[in-house]
Amino acid sequence: MEQTVKTESKSQKMVPAIRVQGKWYTIMPKLYEAERQTYNIAYNLIRTGCTPEVAYRQWFSQERKDAKLLYPSFRKDE
């Protein structure tokens, strides 16, 4: 799903891009944020059209579910 696309700038940097329904979107990672987080949230924003706040909430909710499944010994459920 993720690819790099050449830009038409002087530096000729390769930038990460995703394709959704035949349209290409370039994604620039935020400073101090994991690239995986930025890409997943941007993809969710583009795909569903929700607000950034909702996309972040959904991403963190999914991360909590994954952590609960992968690391059950660290969680003390009552």
C-alpha atoms as a PDB file:
ATOM      1  CA  MET A   1       0.000   0.000   0.000  1.00  0.00           C
ATOM      2  CA  GLU A   2       2.811   2.422   0.861  1.00  0.00           C
ATOM      3  CA  GLN A   3       5.182   3.566  -1.879  1.00  0.00           C
ATOM      4  CA  THR A   4       7.584   6.390  -2.504  1.00  0.00           C
ATOM      5  CA  VAL A   5       6.993   8.955  -5.213  1.00  0.00           C
ATOM      6  CA  LYS A   6       9.493  11.347  -6.786  1.00  0.00           C
ATOM      7  CA  THR A   7       8.689  14.984  -6.229  1.00  0.00           C
ATOM      8  CA  GLU A   8       9.244  17.779  -8.693  1.00  0.00           C
ATOM      9  CA  SER A   9      11.450  19.839  -6.387  1.00  0.00           C
ATOM     10  CA  LYS A  10      15.102  20.809  -6.580  1.00  0.00           C
ATOM     11  CA  SER A  11      16.181  18.361  -3.881  1.00  0.00           C
ATOM     12  CA  GLN A  12      14.566  15.350  -5.635  1.00  0.00           C
ATOM     13  CA  LYS A  13      13.653  13.746  -2.307  1.00  0.00           C
ATOM     14  CA  MET A  14      11.609  10.588  -2.230  1.00  0.00           C
ATOM     15  CA  VAL A  15       8.454  11.146  -0.201  1.00  0.00           C
ATOM     16  CA  PRO A  16       6.135   8.450   1.142  1.00  0.00           C
ATOM     17  CA  ALA A  17       2.785   8.199  -0.590  1.00  0.00           C
ATOM     18  CA  ILE A  18      -0.340   6.082  -0.424  1.00  0.00           C
ATOM     19  CA  ARG A  19      -2.934   5.364  -3.054  1.00  0.00           C
ATOM     20  CA  VAL A  20      -6.616   5.369  -2.175  1.00  0.00           C
ATOM     21  CA  GLN A  21      -9.257   4.674  -4.820  1.00  0.00           C
ATOM     22  CA  GLY A  22      -6.873   5.516  -7.657  1.00  0.00           C
ATOM     23  CA  LYS A  23      -5.690   8.830  -6.209  1.00  0.00           C
ATOM     24  CA  TRP A  24      -2.155   9.388  -4.820  1.00  0.00           C
ATOM     25  CA  TYR A  25      -1.563  11.227  -1.549  1.00  0.00           C
ATOM     26  CA  THR A  26       1.844  12.226  -0.168  1.00  0.00           C
ATOM     27  CA  ILE A  27       2.271  12.038   3.583  1.00  0.00           C
ATOM     28  CA  MET A  28       4.835  14.067   5.477  1.00  0.00           C
ATOM     29  CA  PRO A  29       5.515  12.617   8.955  1.00  0.00           C
ATOM     30  CA  LYS A  30       4.976  14.938  11.884  1.00  0.00           C
ATOM     31  CA  LEU A  31       7.902  15.941  14.039  1.00  0.00           C
ATOM     32  CA  TYR A  32       8.127  13.812  17.224  1.00  0.00           C
ATOM     33  CA  GLU A  33       5.535  11.336  15.967  1.00  0.00           C
ATOM     34  CA  ALA A  34       6.213   7.803  14.801  1.00  0.00           C
ATOM     35  CA  GLU A  35       6.007   7.435  11.019  1.00  0.00           C
ATOM     36  CA  ARG A  36       3.766   4.392  11.376  1.00  0.00           C
ATOM     37  CA  GLN A  37       1.363   6.435  13.492  1.00  0.00           C
ATOM     38  CA  THR A  38       1.283   9.308  11.008  1.00  0.00           C
ATOM     39  CA  TYR A  39       0.733   6.997   8.030  1.00  0.00           C
ATOM     40  CA  ASN A  40      -2.037   5.011   9.704  1.00  0.00           C
ATOM     41  CA  ILE A  41      -3.875   8.121  10.887  1.00  0.00           C
ATOM     42  CA  ALA A  42      -3.534   9.852   7.506  1.00  0.00           C
ATOM     43  CA  TYR A  43      -4.791   6.748   5.723  1.00  0.00           C
ATOM     44  CA  ASN A  44      -7.773   6.589   8.072  1.00  0.00           C
ATOM     45  CA  LEU A  45      -8.510  10.289   7.493  1.00  0.00           C
ATOM     46  CA  ILE A  46      -8.401   9.901   3.720  1.00  0.00           C
ATOM     47  CA  ARG A  47     -10.327   6.638   3.633  1.00  0.00           C
ATOM     48  CA  THR A  48     -13.150   7.525   6.028  1.00  0.00           C
ATOM     49  CA  GLY A  49     -13.202  11.319   5.825  1.00  0.00           C
ATOM     50  CA  CYS A  50     -13.469  11.683   9.602  1.00  0.00           C
ATOM     51  CA  THR A  51     -11.979  14.513  11.641  1.00  0.00           C
ATOM     52  CA  PRO A  52      -8.366  14.331  12.860  1.00  0.00           C
ATOM     53  CA  GLU A  53      -9.525  14.062  16.476  1.00  0.00           C
ATOM     54  CA  VAL A  54     -11.634  11.004  15.684  1.00  0.00           C
ATOM     55  CA  ALA A  55      -8.808   9.446  13.651  1.00  0.00           C
ATOM     56  CA  TYR A  56      -6.364   9.855  16.546  1.00  0.00           C
ATOM     57  CA  ARG A  57      -8.888   8.389  19.009  1.00  0.00           C
ATOM     58  CA  GLN A  58      -9.455   5.388  16.747  1.00  0.00           C
ATOM     59  CA  TRP A  59      -5.712   4.846  16.314  1.00  0.00           C
ATOM     60  CA  PHE A  60      -5.026   4.936  20.067  1.00  0.00           C
ATOM     61  CA  SER A  61      -8.008   2.680  20.717  1.00  0.00           C
ATOM     62  CA  GLN A  62      -6.619   0.132  18.249  1.00  0.00           C
ATOM     63  CA  GLU A  63      -3.184   0.388  19.864  1.00  0.00           C
ATOM     64  CA  ARG A  64      -4.707  -0.360  23.285  1.00  0.00           C
ATOM     65  CA  LYS A  65      -6.511  -3.401  21.869  1.00  0.00           C
ATOM     66  CA  ASP A  66      -3.298  -4.662  20.263  1.00  0.00           C
ATOM     67  CA  ALA A  67      -1.313  -4.146  23.473  1.00  0.00           C
ATOM     68  CA  LYS A  68      -3.949  -5.973  25.488  1.00  0.00           C
ATOM     69  CA  LEU A  69      -3.721  -8.938  23.130  1.00  0.00           C
ATOM     70  CA  LEU A  70       0.066  -8.977  22.712  1.00  0.00           C
ATOM     71  CA  TYR A  71       1.106  -8.216  26.289  1.00  0.00           C
ATOM     72  CA  PRO A  72      -1.522  -9.651  28.649  1.00  0.00           C
ATOM     73  CA  SER A  73       0.961 -10.108  31.522  1.00  0.00           C
ATOM     74  CA  PHE A  74       1.529  -6.337  31.759  1.00  0.00           C
ATOM     75  CA  ARG A  75      -2.137  -5.553  32.144  1.00  0.00           C
ATOM     76  CA  LYS A  76      -3.936  -6.185  35.401  1.00  0.00           C
ATOM     77  CA  ASP A  77      -7.616  -6.464  34.525  1.00  0.00           C
ATOM     78  CA  GLU A  78      -9.958  -6.680  37.429  1.00  0.00           C
END
